[in-house]
C-alpha atoms as a PDB file:
ATOM      1  CA  MET A   1     -51.435   4.793  24.718  1.00  0.00           C
ATOM      2  CA  SER A   2     -51.266   8.169  23.014  1.00  0.00           C
ATOM      3  CA  ALA A   3     -49.499   8.954  19.735  1.00  0.00           C
ATOM      4  CA  GLY A   4     -46.666  10.721  21.586  1.00  0.00           C
ATOM      5  CA  GLU A   5     -46.050   7.714  23.804  1.00  0.00           C
ATOM      6  CA  ALA A   6     -46.019   5.422  20.757  1.00  0.00           C
ATOM      7  CA  VAL A   7     -43.409   7.610  19.048  1.00  0.00           C
ATOM      8  CA  VAL A   8     -41.245   7.638  22.173  1.00  0.00           C
ATOM      9  CA  LEU A   9     -41.575   3.855  22.528  1.00  0.00           C
ATOM     10  CA  GLY A  10     -40.699   3.353  18.846  1.00  0.00           C
ATOM     11  CA  ALA A  11     -37.669   5.617  19.126  1.00  0.00           C
ATOM     12  CA  ALA A  12     -36.531   3.758  22.238  1.00  0.00           C
ATOM     13  CA  LEU A  13     -36.827   0.399  20.460  1.00  0.00           C
ATOM     14  CA  ILE A  14     -34.899   1.685  17.438  1.00  0.00           C
ATOM     15  CA  GLY A  15     -32.219   3.045  19.781  1.00  0.00           C
ATOM     16  CA  LEU A  16     -32.016  -0.295  21.558  1.00  0.00           C
ATOM     17  CA  VAL A  17     -31.650  -2.198  18.278  1.00  0.00           C
ATOM     18  CA  LEU A  18     -28.936   0.211  17.110  1.00  0.00           C
ATOM     19  CA  ALA A  19     -27.078  -0.094  20.407  1.00  0.00           C
ATOM     20  CA  VAL A  20     -27.118  -3.898  20.172  1.00  0.00           C
ATOM     21  CA  ALA A  21     -25.907  -3.722  16.546  1.00  0.00           C
ATOM     22  CA  VAL A  22     -23.020  -1.443  17.564  1.00  0.00           C
ATOM     23  CA  LEU A  23     -22.046  -3.794  20.396  1.00  0.00           C
ATOM     24  CA  VAL A  24     -22.057  -6.793  18.049  1.00  0.00           C
ATOM     25  CA  ALA A  25     -19.953  -4.887  15.515  1.00  0.00           C
ATOM     26  CA  LEU A  26     -17.468  -3.853  18.215  1.00  0.00           C
ATOM     27  CA  ARG A  27     -17.197  -7.447  19.401  1.00  0.00           C
ATOM     28  CA  ASP A  28     -16.405  -8.568  15.839  1.00  0.00           C
ATOM     29  CA  VAL A  29     -13.818  -5.815  15.428  1.00  0.00           C
ATOM     30  CA  ARG A  30     -12.166  -6.803  18.690  1.00  0.00           C
ATOM     31  CA  ARG A  31     -12.075 -10.459  17.622  1.00  0.00           C
ATOM     32  CA  ASP A  32     -10.490  -9.450  14.302  1.00  0.00           C
ATOM     33  CA  LEU A  33      -7.928  -7.265  16.061  1.00  0.00           C
ATOM     34  CA  ASP A  34      -7.012 -10.101  18.399  1.00  0.00           C
ATOM     35  CA  GLY A  35      -6.520 -12.362  15.386  1.00  0.00           C
ATOM     36  CA  LEU A  36      -4.372  -9.749  13.663  1.00  0.00           C
ATOM     37  CA  ARG A  37      -2.310  -9.284  16.801  1.00  0.00           C
ATOM     38  CA  THR A  38      -1.687 -13.033  16.930  1.00  0.00           C
ATOM     39  CA  GLU A  39      -0.726 -13.155  13.251  1.00  0.00           C
ATOM     40  CA  LEU A  40       1.580 -10.153  13.643  1.00  0.00           C
ATOM     41  CA  GLY A  41       3.303 -11.859  16.552  1.00  0.00           C
ATOM     42  CA  ASP A  42       3.788 -14.988  14.468  1.00  0.00           C
ATOM     43  CA  LEU A  43       5.140 -12.988  11.537  1.00  0.00           C
ATOM     44  CA  SER A  44       7.508 -10.886  13.615  1.00  0.00           C
ATOM     45  CA  ALA A  45       8.904 -13.993  15.298  1.00  0.00           C
ATOM     46  CA  GLY A  46       9.989 -15.396  11.934  1.00  0.00           C
ATOM     47  CA  ALA A  47      10.801 -12.137  10.152  1.00  0.00           C
ATOM     48  CA  ALA A  48      14.251 -11.621   8.762  1.00  0.00           C
ATOM     49  CA  THR A  49      16.190  -8.518   9.678  1.00  0.00           C
ATOM     50  CA  ILE A  50      17.406  -6.012   7.108  1.00  0.00           C
ATOM     51  CA  ASP A  51      20.951  -7.321   7.571  1.00  0.00           C
ATOM     52  CA  ASP A  52      19.762 -10.869   6.826  1.00  0.00           C
ATOM     53  CA  LEU A  53      18.043  -9.673   3.649  1.00  0.00           C
ATOM     54  CA  ARG A  54      21.109  -7.724   2.509  1.00  0.00           C
ATOM     55  CA  ALA A  55      23.289 -10.773   3.084  1.00  0.00           C
ATOM     56  CA  ALA A  56      20.880 -12.946   1.086  1.00  0.00           C
ATOM     57  CA  VAL A  57      20.862 -10.486  -1.806  1.00  0.00           C
ATOM     58  CA  ALA A  58      24.624 -10.171  -1.726  1.00  0.00           C
ATOM     59  CA  ALA A  59      24.952 -13.950  -1.842  1.00  0.00           C
ATOM     60  CA  ALA A  60      22.441 -14.315  -4.674  1.00  0.00           C
ATOM     61  CA  VAL A  61      23.709 -11.482  -6.909  1.00  0.00           C
ATOM     62  CA  PRO A  62      27.338 -11.577  -7.921  1.00  0.00           C
ATOM     63  CA  ALA A  63      29.107  -8.213  -7.748  1.00  0.00           C
ATOM     64  CA  THR A  64      30.186  -7.536 -11.325  1.00  0.00           C
ATOM     65  CA  GLY A  65      31.468  -4.097 -12.204  1.00  0.00           C
ATOM     66  CA  ASP A  66      28.592  -1.697 -12.910  1.00  0.00           C
ATOM     67  CA  ASP A  67      25.822  -3.914 -11.591  1.00  0.00           C
ATOM     68  CA  ALA A  68      26.679  -3.607  -7.900  1.00  0.00           C
ATOM     69  CA  SER A  69      28.703  -1.274  -5.779  1.00  0.00           C
ATOM     70  CA  ALA A  70      31.230  -2.313  -3.174  1.00  0.00           C
ATOM     71  CA  ASP A  71      29.323  -0.591  -0.356  1.00  0.00           C
ATOM     72  CA  GLY A  72      26.228  -2.734  -0.775  1.00  0.00           C
ATOM     73  CA  ALA A  73      24.123  -0.208  -2.682  1.00  0.00           C
ATOM     74  CA  PRO A  74      21.073  -1.590  -4.470  1.00  0.00           C
ATOM     75  CA  VAL A  75      21.652  -3.439  -7.704  1.00  0.00           C
ATOM     76  CA  SER A  76      20.247  -1.755 -10.809  1.00  0.00           C
ATOM     77  CA  ARG A  77      17.909  -3.862 -12.914  1.00  0.00           C
ATOM     78  CA  VAL A  78      18.219  -1.456 -15.837  1.00  0.00           C
ATOM     79  CA  PRO A  79      20.838  -2.601 -18.344  1.00  0.00           C
ATOM     80  CA  LYS A  80      23.763  -0.253 -18.878  1.00  0.00           C
ATOM     81  CA  VAL A  81      22.732   0.308 -22.501  1.00  0.00           C
ATOM     82  CA  LEU A  82      19.465   1.870 -21.315  1.00  0.00           C
ATOM     83  CA  ARG A  83      21.243   4.102 -18.799  1.00  0.00           C
ATOM     84  CA  THR A  84      23.280   5.910 -21.441  1.00  0.00           C
ATOM     85  CA  GLY A  85      22.614   9.542 -22.293  1.00  0.00           C
ATOM     86  CA  PRO A  86      20.851   9.297 -25.680  1.00  0.00           C
ATOM     87  CA  VAL A  87      18.423   6.605 -24.564  1.00  0.00           C
ATOM     88  CA  VAL A  88      17.497   8.493 -21.400  1.00  0.00           C
ATOM     89  CA  LYS A  89      17.039  11.706 -23.374  1.00  0.00           C
ATOM     90  CA  ALA A  90      14.800   9.961 -25.917  1.00  0.00           C
ATOM     91  CA  LEU A  91      12.659   8.457 -23.164  1.00  0.00           C
ATOM     92  CA  ALA A  92      12.375  11.826 -21.425  1.00  0.00           C
ATOM     93  CA  LEU A  93      11.393  13.528 -24.678  1.00  0.00           C
ATOM     94  CA  GLY A  94       8.714  10.914 -25.335  1.00  0.00           C
ATOM     95  CA  SER A  95       7.364  11.207 -21.809  1.00  0.00           C
ATOM     96  CA  GLY A  96       7.262  14.993 -21.995  1.00  0.00           C
ATOM     97  CA  THR A  97       5.567  14.926 -25.389  1.00  0.00           C
ATOM     98  CA  ALA A  98       2.898  12.557 -24.115  1.00  0.00           C
ATOM     99  CA  HIS A  99       2.319  14.801 -21.073  1.00  0.00           C
ATOM    100  CA  VAL A 100       1.885  17.909 -23.247  1.00  0.00           C
ATOM    101  CA  ALA A 101      -0.453  16.036 -25.591  1.00  0.00           C
ATOM    102  CA  ARG A 102      -2.635  14.999 -22.653  1.00  0.00           C
ATOM    103  CA  LYS A 103      -2.708  18.572 -21.358  1.00  0.00           C
ATOM    104  CA  LEU A 104      -3.680  19.965 -24.764  1.00  0.00           C
ATOM    105  CA  ALA A 105      -6.364  17.336 -25.219  1.00  0.00           C
ATOM    106  CA  GLY A 106      -7.769  18.278 -21.820  1.00  0.00           C
ATOM    107  CA  ARG A 107      -8.041  21.964 -22.815  1.00  0.00           C
ATOM    108  CA  ASN A 108     -10.120  21.152 -25.863  1.00  0.00           C
ATOM    109  CA  GLY A 109     -12.702  19.425 -23.670  1.00  0.00           C
ATOM    110  CA  HIS A 110     -11.928  15.865 -24.763  1.00  0.00           C
END
């Protein structure tokens, strides 16, 4: 056997091993996809609809003045005190100041 034939034989064996490895990997991916498909079917069979979720939230959260709207809009978790003008302005000022400080620190190479 010449050196050229040995190289060709080696390359063919490496190609064969790689092809088998790809086939095994594809088989595993297919098995995982089949499992995911089964799980998705199980989840979708028991999934609640958006209307069911809205009804559950409406039943769990009493509609009291500012906390909920009559049309079913989302309930705010932020207390009314924190939604007032001065508090929002102070938070915005602090956020903007921190942003500028980070930008300036970045220019100095830190």
